[in-house]
Amino acid sequence: MSDNAGVMCIIADMSEPAPAVSSSSASVGHLRLSPDDLLILLATSRTGRFTTAAEELGLNHTTVSRRITALEKALGGRVLARTAGGWELTELGAKAVAAAESVEMAIDALTADPLSPRQLSGVVRMSATDGFSAYIAAPAAARLQHSHPNLRVEIVTATRRALQHRSGLDIEVVVGEPQVHRAEAFELGHYALGMYAARSYLADRGTPNSVEQLVEHPLVYFIDSILQVDDLDAPRRLVPTMRDALTSTNVFVQVEATRAGAGIGFLPCFMADQYADLVRVMPDQFDERLPYWMVLRPEALRQPAVAAVASALKARMLEFEGPLAGTPSRRRSAR
């Protein structure tokens, strides 16, 4: 969802129906195709919703709906299809958006200051897991905004599979290789998970040194019945008889529960290693490595703001590679 301010100057007040013929319209059959309508479709494709597109364009949603209908009549087919997550482009709509992007770039070229570096602006919306959002996405976005103060990044936290319909989302970051269609997927890198316990907990309950001893302790982890990501089922696979103590959909809750002595947590090393009161237990036996993958719609990747955020995420992953891997210098293991 990139900025439309630089291109929407071409869109006149559309609170009234557009005239049937305008000097800026091109003929498609016997109907007229308006570049304004193409730009409205472009905004809708980036948000997935008429209401959000209308807000960005300074219109009302009924006007957006009406202009999309006019565009479909001019093109002779549907450009949008309704899905559970919002509006998705049809094959014809994707062709129309490609033309709209050319119009947008032409307007940007006419209005840009050739002596000033290009400033990114608008909104990029992404979803990612709690830990990735806090330690990777937030620092990456903040650094990018230092150079582009008009850029806004919205981060929706969720631990789930990649969506098949991602209307309104420019970037998704998921755990495990995604199975997606009409999208581009890139592996960002890996992170390590291990067993951790509070020092006070181990002092009171003893430090396990074998799987047999470990299963006598309660587990702090995700809620098994609603966990959507198969790659995150390691504790149930490695120690299936370890009983749940405190479970949560939020990894920050898991970290704090482990610190409070609720049990032994199976935690991302890059999060648990931040706390001196947490000790890694049996690191040689429990060292799970999982990949982060980034998923983008092809049309989103062509937006400069989205591409810049994606590059910033990759750079932050490289910068944070040591903590993500749970490097030995950061480990405080109980042996």
C-alpha atoms as a PDB file:
ATOM      1  CA  MET A   1       0.000   0.000   0.000  1.00  0.00           C
ATOM      2  CA  SER A   2       2.048   2.847  -1.247  1.00  0.00           C
ATOM      3  CA  ASP A   3       1.463   6.545  -1.304  1.00  0.00           C
ATOM      4  CA  ASN A   4      -1.073   8.021  -3.705  1.00  0.00           C
ATOM      5  CA  ALA A   5      -0.638  11.685  -2.852  1.00  0.00           C
ATOM      6  CA  GLY A   6       1.723  12.357  -5.718  1.00  0.00           C
ATOM      7  CA  VAL A   7      -0.579  10.851  -8.313  1.00  0.00           C
ATOM      8  CA  MET A   8      -4.031  11.714  -7.081  1.00  0.00           C
ATOM      9  CA  CYS A   9      -3.753  15.290  -8.264  1.00  0.00           C
ATOM     10  CA  ILE A  10      -4.962  13.899 -11.570  1.00  0.00           C
ATOM     11  CA  ILE A  11      -8.209  12.783  -9.978  1.00  0.00           C
ATOM     12  CA  ALA A  12     -10.748  15.558 -10.039  1.00  0.00           C
ATOM     13  CA  ASP A  13     -13.630  15.915  -7.610  1.00  0.00           C
ATOM     14  CA  MET A  14     -15.491  12.684  -8.249  1.00  0.00           C
ATOM     15  CA  SER A  15     -18.377  13.175  -5.855  1.00  0.00           C
ATOM     16  CA  GLU A  16     -20.549  13.482  -8.950  1.00  0.00           C
ATOM     17  CA  PRO A  17     -20.634  10.922 -11.760  1.00  0.00           C
ATOM     18  CA  ALA A  18     -17.858  11.441 -14.279  1.00  0.00           C
ATOM     19  CA  PRO A  19     -18.914  12.742 -17.688  1.00  0.00           C
ATOM     20  CA  ALA A  20     -19.347  10.118 -20.377  1.00  0.00           C
ATOM     21  CA  VAL A  21     -16.550  11.603 -22.479  1.00  0.00           C
ATOM     22  CA  SER A  22     -13.459  13.463 -21.321  1.00  0.00           C
ATOM     23  CA  SER A  23     -10.357  14.665 -23.094  1.00  0.00           C
ATOM     24  CA  SER A  24      -8.238  12.494 -20.785  1.00  0.00           C
ATOM     25  CA  SER A  25     -10.113   9.300 -21.630  1.00  0.00           C
ATOM     26  CA  ALA A  26      -9.059   6.631 -24.085  1.00  0.00           C
ATOM     27  CA  SER A  27     -11.466   4.603 -26.199  1.00  0.00           C
ATOM     28  CA  VAL A  28     -11.934   0.909 -25.486  1.00  0.00           C
ATOM     29  CA  GLY A  29     -14.505  -0.316 -27.969  1.00  0.00           C
ATOM     30  CA  HIS A  30     -17.304   2.238 -27.814  1.00  0.00           C
ATOM     31  CA  LEU A  31     -16.683   3.160 -24.154  1.00  0.00           C
ATOM     32  CA  ARG A  32     -14.173   5.534 -22.625  1.00  0.00           C
ATOM     33  CA  LEU A  33     -11.385   4.371 -20.310  1.00  0.00           C
ATOM     34  CA  SER A  34     -10.372   6.971 -17.741  1.00  0.00           C
ATOM     35  CA  PRO A  35      -6.868   7.078 -16.226  1.00  0.00           C
ATOM     36  CA  ASP A  36      -8.560   8.283 -13.032  1.00  0.00           C
ATOM     37  CA  ASP A  37     -10.391   4.969 -12.817  1.00  0.00           C
ATOM     38  CA  LEU A  38      -7.144   3.060 -13.371  1.00  0.00           C
ATOM     39  CA  LEU A  39      -5.548   4.902 -10.454  1.00  0.00           C
ATOM     40  CA  ILE A  40      -8.559   4.138  -8.273  1.00  0.00           C
ATOM     41  CA  LEU A  41      -8.198   0.450  -9.142  1.00  0.00           C
ATOM     42  CA  LEU A  42      -4.492   0.686  -8.283  1.00  0.00           C
ATOM     43  CA  ALA A  43      -5.284   2.058  -4.818  1.00  0.00           C
ATOM     44  CA  THR A  44      -7.956  -0.596  -4.272  1.00  0.00           C
ATOM     45  CA  SER A  45      -5.588  -3.397  -5.286  1.00  0.00           C
ATOM     46  CA  ARG A  46      -3.085  -2.181  -2.691  1.00  0.00           C
ATOM     47  CA  THR A  47      -5.566  -2.001   0.170  1.00  0.00           C
ATOM     48  CA  GLY A  48      -7.997  -4.765  -0.718  1.00  0.00           C
ATOM     49  CA  ARG A  49     -10.939  -2.640   0.411  1.00  0.00           C
ATOM     50  CA  PHE A  50     -13.000   0.156  -1.099  1.00  0.00           C
ATOM     51  CA  THR A  51     -13.209   2.008   2.221  1.00  0.00           C
ATOM     52  CA  THR A  52      -9.441   2.093   2.778  1.00  0.00           C
ATOM     53  CA  ALA A  53      -8.758   3.072  -0.828  1.00  0.00           C
ATOM     54  CA  ALA A  54     -11.357   5.827  -0.526  1.00  0.00           C
ATOM     55  CA  GLU A  55      -9.662   7.212   2.585  1.00  0.00           C
ATOM     56  CA  GLU A  56      -6.289   7.330   0.830  1.00  0.00           C
ATOM     57  CA  LEU A  57      -7.773   9.044  -2.223  1.00  0.00           C
ATOM     58  CA  GLY A  58      -9.958  11.505  -0.350  1.00  0.00           C
ATOM     59  CA  LEU A  59     -13.142  10.024  -1.849  1.00  0.00           C
ATOM     60  CA  ASN A  60     -16.056   8.083  -0.406  1.00  0.00           C
ATOM     61  CA  HIS A  61     -16.353   4.350  -0.849  1.00  0.00           C
ATOM     62  CA  THR A  62     -19.474   4.565  -3.017  1.00  0.00           C
ATOM     63  CA  THR A  63     -17.549   6.712  -5.495  1.00  0.00           C
ATOM     64  CA  VAL A  64     -14.728   4.167  -5.556  1.00  0.00           C
ATOM     65  CA  SER A  65     -17.234   1.354  -6.142  1.00  0.00           C
ATOM     66  CA  ARG A  66     -18.945   3.302  -8.908  1.00  0.00           C
ATOM     67  CA  ARG A  67     -15.679   4.093 -10.704  1.00  0.00           C
ATOM     68  CA  ILE A  68     -14.556   0.449 -10.500  1.00  0.00           C
ATOM     69  CA  THR A  69     -17.864  -0.543 -12.077  1.00  0.00           C
ATOM     70  CA  ALA A  70     -17.326   2.023 -14.829  1.00  0.00           C
ATOM     71  CA  LEU A  71     -13.828   0.646 -15.443  1.00  0.00           C
ATOM     72  CA  GLU A  72     -15.174  -2.895 -15.704  1.00  0.00           C
ATOM     73  CA  LYS A  73     -17.751  -1.761 -18.254  1.00  0.00           C
ATOM     74  CA  ALA A  74     -15.054  -0.021 -20.271  1.00  0.00           C
ATOM     75  CA  LEU A  75     -12.793  -3.082 -20.196  1.00  0.00           C
ATOM     76  CA  GLY A  76     -15.584  -5.578 -20.735  1.00  0.00           C
ATOM     77  CA  GLY A  77     -14.884  -7.778 -17.709  1.00  0.00           C
ATOM     78  CA  ARG A  78     -14.359  -8.031 -13.960  1.00  0.00           C
ATOM     79  CA  VAL A  79     -11.184  -6.491 -12.542  1.00  0.00           C
ATOM     80  CA  LEU A  80     -11.801  -7.477  -8.905  1.00  0.00           C
ATOM     81  CA  ALA A  81     -13.077 -10.609  -7.199  1.00  0.00           C
ATOM     82  CA  ARG A  82     -14.335 -10.724  -3.625  1.00  0.00           C
ATOM     83  CA  THR A  83     -12.491 -13.038  -1.219  1.00  0.00           C
ATOM     84  CA  ALA A  84     -12.637 -13.642   2.524  1.00  0.00           C
ATOM     85  CA  GLY A  85      -9.763 -11.200   2.998  1.00  0.00           C
ATOM     86  CA  GLY A  86     -11.072  -8.449   0.717  1.00  0.00           C
ATOM     87  CA  TRP A  87     -10.843  -7.703  -2.989  1.00  0.00           C
ATOM     88  CA  GLU A  88      -8.351  -9.583  -5.181  1.00  0.00           C
ATOM     89  CA  LEU A  89      -7.346  -8.751  -8.744  1.00  0.00           C
ATOM     90  CA  THR A  90      -8.625 -10.905 -11.580  1.00  0.00           C
ATOM     91  CA  GLU A  91      -6.385 -11.644 -14.565  1.00  0.00           C
ATOM     92  CA  LEU A  92      -7.890  -8.656 -16.367  1.00  0.00           C
ATOM     93  CA  GLY A  93      -7.485  -6.553 -13.223  1.00  0.00           C
ATOM     94  CA  ALA A  94      -3.783  -7.419 -13.024  1.00  0.00           C
ATOM     95  CA  LYS A  95      -3.321  -6.163 -16.599  1.00  0.00           C
ATOM     96  CA  ALA A  96      -5.192  -2.975 -15.739  1.00  0.00           C
ATOM     97  CA  VAL A  97      -3.046  -2.435 -12.631  1.00  0.00           C
ATOM     98  CA  ALA A  98       0.117  -2.788 -14.709  1.00  0.00           C
ATOM     99  CA  ALA A  99      -1.174   0.014 -16.943  1.00  0.00           C
ATOM    100  CA  ALA A 100      -2.121   2.057 -13.858  1.00  0.00           C
ATOM    101  CA  GLU A 101       1.405   1.704 -12.476  1.00  0.00           C
ATOM    102  CA  SER A 102       2.756   3.149 -15.714  1.00  0.00           C
ATOM    103  CA  VAL A 103       0.426   6.121 -15.306  1.00  0.00           C
ATOM    104  CA  GLU A 104       1.548   6.524 -11.687  1.00  0.00           C
ATOM    105  CA  MET A 105       5.243   6.415 -12.617  1.00  0.00           C
ATOM    106  CA  ALA A 106       4.725   8.954 -15.403  1.00  0.00           C
ATOM    107  CA  ILE A 107       3.046  11.374 -13.003  1.00  0.00           C
ATOM    108  CA  ASP A 108       5.761  10.812 -10.393  1.00  0.00           C
ATOM    109  CA  ALA A 109       8.412  11.605 -13.001  1.00  0.00           C
ATOM    110  CA  LEU A 110       6.667  14.846 -13.915  1.00  0.00           C
ATOM    111  CA  THR A 111       6.190  16.026 -10.332  1.00  0.00           C
ATOM    112  CA  ALA A 112       9.467  14.845  -8.743  1.00  0.00           C
ATOM    113  CA  ASP A 113      12.292  17.258  -7.970  1.00  0.00           C
ATOM    114  CA  PRO A 114      15.224  15.991 -10.064  1.00  0.00           C
ATOM    115  CA  LEU A 115      17.739  17.525  -7.645  1.00  0.00           C
ATOM    116  CA  SER A 116      16.370  15.846  -4.527  1.00  0.00           C
ATOM    117  CA  PRO A 117      16.630  12.166  -3.586  1.00  0.00           C
ATOM    118  CA  ARG A 118      13.332  10.353  -3.889  1.00  0.00           C
ATOM    119  CA  GLN A 119      11.362  10.296  -0.656  1.00  0.00           C
ATOM    120  CA  LEU A 120       9.253   7.270   0.164  1.00  0.00           C
ATOM    121  CA  SER A 121       5.847   7.903   1.654  1.00  0.00           C
ATOM    122  CA  GLY A 122       2.513   6.254   2.272  1.00  0.00           C
ATOM    123  CA  VAL A 123       1.640   3.118   4.235  1.00  0.00           C
ATOM    124  CA  VAL A 124       3.179  -0.350   4.100  1.00  0.00           C
ATOM    125  CA  ARG A 125       1.237  -2.974   6.034  1.00  0.00           C
ATOM    126  CA  MET A 126       2.852  -6.240   7.060  1.00  0.00           C
ATOM    127  CA  SER A 127       2.149  -9.183   9.329  1.00  0.00           C
ATOM    128  CA  ALA A 128       4.694 -11.250  11.233  1.00  0.00           C
ATOM    129  CA  THR A 129       5.141 -13.252  14.409  1.00  0.00           C
ATOM    130  CA  ASP A 130       5.492 -11.440  17.736  1.00  0.00           C
ATOM    131  CA  GLY A 131       9.223 -12.001  18.084  1.00  0.00           C
ATOM    132  CA  PHE A 132      10.053 -11.102  14.484  1.00  0.00           C
ATOM    133  CA  SER A 133       7.911  -7.979  14.716  1.00  0.00           C
ATOM    134  CA  ALA A 134       9.681  -6.734  17.841  1.00  0.00           C
ATOM    135  CA  TYR A 135      13.302  -7.639  17.084  1.00  0.00           C
ATOM    136  CA  ILE A 136      13.448  -7.486  13.276  1.00  0.00           C
ATOM    137  CA  ALA A 137      10.549  -5.531  11.771  1.00  0.00           C
ATOM    138  CA  ALA A 138      10.325  -2.666  14.260  1.00  0.00           C
ATOM    139  CA  PRO A 139      14.062  -1.760  14.204  1.00  0.00           C
ATOM    140  CA  ALA A 140      14.188  -2.153  10.411  1.00  0.00           C
ATOM    141  CA  ALA A 141      11.188   0.127   9.909  1.00  0.00           C
ATOM    142  CA  ALA A 142      12.464   2.732  12.370  1.00  0.00           C
ATOM    143  CA  ARG A 143      15.829   2.910  10.611  1.00  0.00           C
ATOM    144  CA  LEU A 144      14.164   3.298   7.218  1.00  0.00           C
ATOM    145  CA  GLN A 145      11.927   6.063   8.557  1.00  0.00           C
ATOM    146  CA  HIS A 146      14.968   8.092   9.608  1.00  0.00           C
ATOM    147  CA  SER A 147      15.636   8.662   5.892  1.00  0.00           C
ATOM    148  CA  HIS A 148      11.966   8.648   4.861  1.00  0.00           C
ATOM    149  CA  PRO A 149       9.944  10.344   7.602  1.00  0.00           C
ATOM    150  CA  ASN A 150       6.734  10.296   5.544  1.00  0.00           C
ATOM    151  CA  LEU A 151       6.748   6.504   5.338  1.00  0.00           C
ATOM    152  CA  ARG A 152       4.359   4.687   7.677  1.00  0.00           C
ATOM    153  CA  VAL A 153       4.641   0.995   8.528  1.00  0.00           C
ATOM    154  CA  GLU A 154       1.788  -0.959  10.103  1.00  0.00           C
ATOM    155  CA  ILE A 155       2.706  -4.285  11.741  1.00  0.00           C
ATOM    156  CA  VAL A 156       0.028  -6.879  12.482  1.00  0.00           C
ATOM    157  CA  THR A 157       1.309  -9.625  14.800  1.00  0.00           C
ATOM    158  CA  ALA A 158       0.155 -13.180  14.115  1.00  0.00           C
ATOM    159  CA  THR A 159       1.586 -16.700  14.263  1.00  0.00           C
ATOM    160  CA  ARG A 160      -0.068 -18.509  11.372  1.00  0.00           C
ATOM    161  CA  ARG A 161       0.397 -20.023   7.940  1.00  0.00           C
ATOM    162  CA  ALA A 162       0.739 -17.702   4.965  1.00  0.00           C
ATOM    163  CA  LEU A 163      -2.668 -16.488   3.834  1.00  0.00           C
ATOM    164  CA  GLN A 164      -3.980 -17.587   0.461  1.00  0.00           C
ATOM    165  CA  HIS A 165      -5.813 -14.272   0.131  1.00  0.00           C
ATOM    166  CA  ARG A 166      -3.724 -11.412   1.471  1.00  0.00           C
ATOM    167  CA  SER A 167      -5.773  -8.367   0.468  1.00  0.00           C
ATOM    168  CA  GLY A 168      -4.686  -5.365   2.479  1.00  0.00           C
ATOM    169  CA  LEU A 169      -1.293  -6.881   3.362  1.00  0.00           C
ATOM    170  CA  ASP A 170       1.842  -5.925   1.467  1.00  0.00           C
ATOM    171  CA  ILE A 171       4.246  -8.270   3.270  1.00  0.00           C
ATOM    172  CA  GLU A 172       3.779 -11.438   5.315  1.00  0.00           C
ATOM    173  CA  VAL A 173       6.527 -13.061   7.357  1.00  0.00           C
ATOM    174  CA  VAL A 174       5.821 -16.634   8.441  1.00  0.00           C
ATOM    175  CA  VAL A 175       7.645 -19.537  10.073  1.00  0.00           C
ATOM    176  CA  GLY A 176       8.258 -22.431   7.686  1.00  0.00           C
ATOM    177  CA  GLU A 177       8.202 -22.574   3.907  1.00  0.00           C
ATOM    178  CA  PRO A 178       4.812 -21.298   2.700  1.00  0.00           C
ATOM    179  CA  GLN A 179       2.586 -22.909   0.083  1.00  0.00           C
ATOM    180  CA  VAL A 180       1.133 -19.944  -1.768  1.00  0.00           C
ATOM    181  CA  HIS A 181      -0.160 -19.032  -5.203  1.00  0.00           C
ATOM    182  CA  ARG A 182      -0.075 -15.678  -6.973  1.00  0.00           C
ATOM    183  CA  ALA A 183       2.672 -14.545  -4.604  1.00  0.00           C
ATOM    184  CA  GLU A 184       6.446 -14.369  -4.308  1.00  0.00           C
ATOM    185  CA  ALA A 185       8.147 -16.120  -1.379  1.00  0.00           C
ATOM    186  CA  PHE A 186      11.711 -15.512  -0.154  1.00  0.00           C
ATOM    187  CA  GLU A 187      13.606 -17.217   2.652  1.00  0.00           C
ATOM    188  CA  LEU A 188      14.947 -14.589   5.046  1.00  0.00           C
ATOM    189  CA  GLY A 189      17.065 -16.799   7.300  1.00  0.00           C
ATOM    190  CA  HIS A 190      16.833 -19.125  10.283  1.00  0.00           C
ATOM    191  CA  TYR A 191      16.460 -18.765  14.030  1.00  0.00           C
ATOM    192  CA  ALA A 192      17.119 -21.148  16.900  1.00  0.00           C
ATOM    193  CA  LEU A 193      14.832 -22.298  19.704  1.00  0.00           C
ATOM    194  CA  GLY A 194      15.826 -24.045  22.902  1.00  0.00           C
ATOM    195  CA  MET A 195      14.676 -25.039  26.359  1.00  0.00           C
ATOM    196  CA  TYR A 196      14.997 -22.272  28.986  1.00  0.00           C
ATOM    197  CA  ALA A 197      14.241 -21.983  32.678  1.00  0.00           C
ATOM    198  CA  ALA A 198      14.547 -19.297  35.316  1.00  0.00           C
ATOM    199  CA  ARG A 199      17.548 -19.566  37.619  1.00  0.00           C
ATOM    200  CA  SER A 200      15.210 -19.479  40.602  1.00  0.00           C
ATOM    201  CA  TYR A 201      13.119 -22.290  39.139  1.00  0.00           C
ATOM    202  CA  LEU A 202      16.175 -24.514  38.613  1.00  0.00           C
ATOM    203  CA  ALA A 203      17.427 -23.753  42.119  1.00  0.00           C
ATOM    204  CA  ASP A 204      14.100 -24.916  43.509  1.00  0.00           C
ATOM    205  CA  ARG A 205      13.273 -27.814  41.177  1.00  0.00           C
ATOM    206  CA  GLY A 206      16.680 -28.975  39.992  1.00  0.00           C
ATOM    207  CA  THR A 207      18.299 -28.876  36.556  1.00  0.00           C
ATOM    208  CA  PRO A 208      17.310 -31.682  34.161  1.00  0.00           C
ATOM    209  CA  ASN A 209      20.213 -33.369  32.356  1.00  0.00           C
ATOM    210  CA  SER A 210      18.290 -35.984  30.382  1.00  0.00           C
ATOM    211  CA  VAL A 211      15.010 -36.304  28.516  1.00  0.00           C
ATOM    212  CA  GLU A 212      13.725 -38.553  31.296  1.00  0.00           C
ATOM    213  CA  GLN A 213      14.360 -35.802  33.841  1.00  0.00           C
ATOM    214  CA  LEU A 214      13.060 -33.063  31.510  1.00  0.00           C
ATOM    215  CA  VAL A 215       9.597 -34.618  31.076  1.00  0.00           C
ATOM    216  CA  GLU A 216       9.103 -34.384  34.834  1.00  0.00           C
ATOM    217  CA  HIS A 217       8.935 -30.584  34.418  1.00  0.00           C
ATOM    218  CA  PRO A 218       5.984 -28.622  33.008  1.00  0.00           C
ATOM    219  CA  LEU A 219       6.235 -26.967  29.570  1.00  0.00           C
ATOM    220  CA  VAL A 220       5.626 -23.316  28.710  1.00  0.00           C
ATOM    221  CA  TYR A 221       4.764 -22.982  25.017  1.00  0.00           C
ATOM    222  CA  PHE A 222       2.043 -22.366  22.431  1.00  0.00           C
ATOM    223  CA  ILE A 223      -1.524 -23.633  22.883  1.00  0.00           C
ATOM    224  CA  ASP A 224      -1.367 -26.910  21.010  1.00  0.00           C
ATOM    225  CA  SER A 225      -5.026 -27.070  19.968  1.00  0.00           C
ATOM    226  CA  ILE A 226      -4.907 -23.766  18.073  1.00  0.00           C
ATOM    227  CA  LEU A 227      -1.306 -23.769  16.840  1.00  0.00           C
ATOM    228  CA  GLN A 228      -1.496 -23.323  13.051  1.00  0.00           C
ATOM    229  CA  VAL A 229       2.193 -23.681  12.139  1.00  0.00           C
ATOM    230  CA  ASP A 230       3.357 -27.289  11.804  1.00  0.00           C
ATOM    231  CA  ASP A 231       7.029 -26.303  12.006  1.00  0.00           C
ATOM    232  CA  LEU A 232       6.463 -25.084  15.579  1.00  0.00           C
ATOM    233  CA  ASP A 233       5.374 -28.481  16.939  1.00  0.00           C
ATOM    234  CA  ALA A 234       8.922 -29.457  18.052  1.00  0.00           C
ATOM    235  CA  PRO A 235       8.241 -29.930  21.808  1.00  0.00           C
ATOM    236  CA  ARG A 236       5.326 -32.271  21.112  1.00  0.00           C
ATOM    237  CA  ARG A 237       7.525 -34.189  18.688  1.00  0.00           C
ATOM    238  CA  LEU A 238      10.700 -34.264  20.801  1.00  0.00           C
ATOM    239  CA  VAL A 239       9.179 -34.649  24.277  1.00  0.00           C
ATOM    240  CA  PRO A 240       5.539 -35.685  23.725  1.00  0.00           C
ATOM    241  CA  THR A 241       4.984 -36.679  27.360  1.00  0.00           C
ATOM    242  CA  MET A 242       6.029 -33.288  28.737  1.00  0.00           C
ATOM    243  CA  ARG A 243       2.843 -31.806  30.192  1.00  0.00           C
ATOM    244  CA  ASP A 244       1.704 -28.267  29.463  1.00  0.00           C
ATOM    245  CA  ALA A 245       1.843 -25.764  32.307  1.00  0.00           C
ATOM    246  CA  LEU A 246       1.142 -22.288  30.948  1.00  0.00           C
ATOM    247  CA  THR A 247       0.462 -21.893  27.233  1.00  0.00           C
ATOM    248  CA  SER A 248      -0.175 -18.799  25.140  1.00  0.00           C
ATOM    249  CA  THR A 249      -0.463 -17.621  21.548  1.00  0.00           C
ATOM    250  CA  ASN A 250       1.963 -14.796  22.395  1.00  0.00           C
ATOM    251  CA  VAL A 251       5.665 -15.609  22.702  1.00  0.00           C
ATOM    252  CA  PHE A 252       6.270 -12.628  25.004  1.00  0.00           C
ATOM    253  CA  VAL A 253       3.809 -14.179  27.459  1.00  0.00           C
ATOM    254  CA  GLN A 254       5.746 -17.441  27.187  1.00  0.00           C
ATOM    255  CA  VAL A 255       9.019 -15.660  27.978  1.00  0.00           C
ATOM    256  CA  GLU A 256       7.571 -13.870  31.011  1.00  0.00           C
ATOM    257  CA  ALA A 257       5.869 -17.042  32.254  1.00  0.00           C
ATOM    258  CA  THR A 258       9.207 -18.870  32.057  1.00  0.00           C
ATOM    259  CA  ARG A 259      10.938 -16.043  33.917  1.00  0.00           C
ATOM    260  CA  ALA A 260       8.230 -16.237  36.594  1.00  0.00           C
ATOM    261  CA  GLY A 261       8.899 -19.944  37.138  1.00  0.00           C
ATOM    262  CA  ALA A 262       5.831 -21.447  35.493  1.00  0.00           C
ATOM    263  CA  GLY A 263       7.957 -24.203  33.972  1.00  0.00           C
ATOM    264  CA  ILE A 264      10.548 -24.790  31.276  1.00  0.00           C
ATOM    265  CA  GLY A 265       9.888 -22.764  28.156  1.00  0.00           C
ATOM    266  CA  PHE A 266      10.734 -23.706  24.581  1.00  0.00           C
ATOM    267  CA  LEU A 267      11.730 -20.223  23.435  1.00  0.00           C
ATOM    268  CA  PRO A 268      13.432 -18.389  20.584  1.00  0.00           C
ATOM    269  CA  CYS A 269      17.064 -17.936  21.600  1.00  0.00           C
ATOM    270  CA  PHE A 270      17.172 -14.349  20.348  1.00  0.00           C
ATOM    271  CA  MET A 271      14.473 -13.467  22.865  1.00  0.00           C
ATOM    272  CA  ALA A 272      15.415 -15.621  25.857  1.00  0.00           C
ATOM    273  CA  ASP A 273      19.115 -14.725  25.658  1.00  0.00           C
ATOM    274  CA  GLN A 274      18.199 -11.106  26.389  1.00  0.00           C
ATOM    275  CA  TYR A 275      17.500 -12.011  30.039  1.00  0.00           C
ATOM    276  CA  ALA A 276      20.230 -12.824  32.573  1.00  0.00           C
ATOM    277  CA  ASP A 277      17.710 -14.670  34.772  1.00  0.00           C
ATOM    278  CA  LEU A 278      17.006 -17.267  32.082  1.00  0.00           C
ATOM    279  CA  VAL A 279      19.292 -20.273  31.608  1.00  0.00           C
ATOM    280  CA  ARG A 280      19.374 -22.520  28.581  1.00  0.00           C
ATOM    281  CA  VAL A 281      18.773 -26.171  29.482  1.00  0.00           C
ATOM    282  CA  MET A 282      20.267 -29.102  27.555  1.00  0.00           C
ATOM    283  CA  PRO A 283      21.347 -27.007  24.527  1.00  0.00           C
ATOM    284  CA  ASP A 284      22.991 -29.919  22.724  1.00  0.00           C
ATOM    285  CA  GLN A 285      19.838 -32.031  22.809  1.00  0.00           C
ATOM    286  CA  PHE A 286      17.376 -29.218  22.056  1.00  0.00           C
ATOM    287  CA  ASP A 287      18.518 -26.874  19.307  1.00  0.00           C
ATOM    288  CA  GLU A 288      15.675 -26.464  16.808  1.00  0.00           C
ATOM    289  CA  ARG A 289      16.329 -24.337  13.696  1.00  0.00           C
ATOM    290  CA  LEU A 290      13.364 -22.833  11.854  1.00  0.00           C
ATOM    291  CA  PRO A 291      13.223 -20.569   8.799  1.00  0.00           C
ATOM    292  CA  TYR A 292      11.519 -17.217   8.396  1.00  0.00           C
ATOM    293  CA  TRP A 293       9.933 -16.695   4.981  1.00  0.00           C
ATOM    294  CA  MET A 294       8.692 -13.444   3.466  1.00  0.00           C
ATOM    295  CA  VAL A 295       5.653 -13.492   1.163  1.00  0.00           C
ATOM    296  CA  LEU A 296       4.663 -10.625  -1.107  1.00  0.00           C
ATOM    297  CA  ARG A 297       2.121 -10.114  -3.856  1.00  0.00           C
ATOM    298  CA  PRO A 298       3.918  -9.416  -7.173  1.00  0.00           C
ATOM    299  CA  GLU A 299       2.159  -6.072  -7.559  1.00  0.00           C
ATOM    300  CA  ALA A 300       3.170  -5.063  -4.021  1.00  0.00           C
ATOM    301  CA  LEU A 301       6.828  -5.791  -4.705  1.00  0.00           C
ATOM    302  CA  ARG A 302       6.754  -3.291  -7.587  1.00  0.00           C
ATOM    303  CA  GLN A 303       5.943  -0.490  -5.137  1.00  0.00           C
ATOM    304  CA  PRO A 304       9.112   1.379  -4.068  1.00  0.00           C
ATOM    305  CA  ALA A 305       7.973   1.693  -0.436  1.00  0.00           C
ATOM    306  CA  VAL A 306       7.208  -2.022  -0.120  1.00  0.00           C
ATOM    307  CA  ALA A 307      10.467  -2.982  -1.825  1.00  0.00           C
ATOM    308  CA  ALA A 308      12.360  -0.708   0.565  1.00  0.00           C
ATOM    309  CA  VAL A 309      10.743  -2.275   3.640  1.00  0.00           C
ATOM    310  CA  ALA A 310      11.470  -5.763   2.298  1.00  0.00           C
ATOM    311  CA  SER A 311      15.136  -4.818   1.791  1.00  0.00           C
ATOM    312  CA  ALA A 312      15.275  -3.329   5.292  1.00  0.00           C
ATOM    313  CA  LEU A 313      13.954  -6.600   6.754  1.00  0.00           C
ATOM    314  CA  LYS A 314      16.631  -8.588   4.914  1.00  0.00           C
ATOM    315  CA  ALA A 315      19.351  -6.216   6.152  1.00  0.00           C
ATOM    316  CA  ARG A 316      18.146  -6.465   9.754  1.00  0.00           C
ATOM    317  CA  MET A 317      18.118 -10.272   9.542  1.00  0.00           C
ATOM    318  CA  LEU A 318      21.777 -10.234   8.499  1.00  0.00           C
ATOM    319  CA  GLU A 319      22.659  -7.732  11.208  1.00  0.00           C
ATOM    320  CA  PHE A 320      20.907  -9.839  13.873  1.00  0.00           C
ATOM    321  CA  GLU A 321      22.223 -13.167  12.595  1.00  0.00           C
ATOM    322  CA  GLY A 322      24.231 -13.993  15.722  1.00  0.00           C
ATOM    323  CA  PRO A 323      21.413 -13.630  18.260  1.00  0.00           C
ATOM    324  CA  LEU A 324      18.999 -15.394  15.896  1.00  0.00           C
ATOM    325  CA  ALA A 325      21.307 -18.387  15.798  1.00  0.00           C
ATOM    326  CA  GLY A 326      21.786 -18.434  19.583  1.00  0.00           C
ATOM    327  CA  THR A 327      25.544 -18.102  19.193  1.00  0.00           C
ATOM    328  CA  PRO A 328      27.698 -19.694  21.940  1.00  0.00           C
ATOM    329  CA  SER A 329      28.924 -16.308  23.179  1.00  0.00           C
ATOM    330  CA  ARG A 330      25.347 -15.400  24.098  1.00  0.00           C
ATOM    331  CA  ARG A 331      24.360 -18.698  25.661  1.00  0.00           C
ATOM    332  CA  ARG A 332      24.077 -19.168  29.400  1.00  0.00           C
ATOM    333  CA  SER A 333      23.665 -22.921  29.610  1.00  0.00           C
ATOM    334  CA  ALA A 334      22.955 -25.138  32.568  1.00  0.00           C
ATOM    335  CA  ARG A 335      25.008 -28.298  32.203  1.00  0.00           C
END
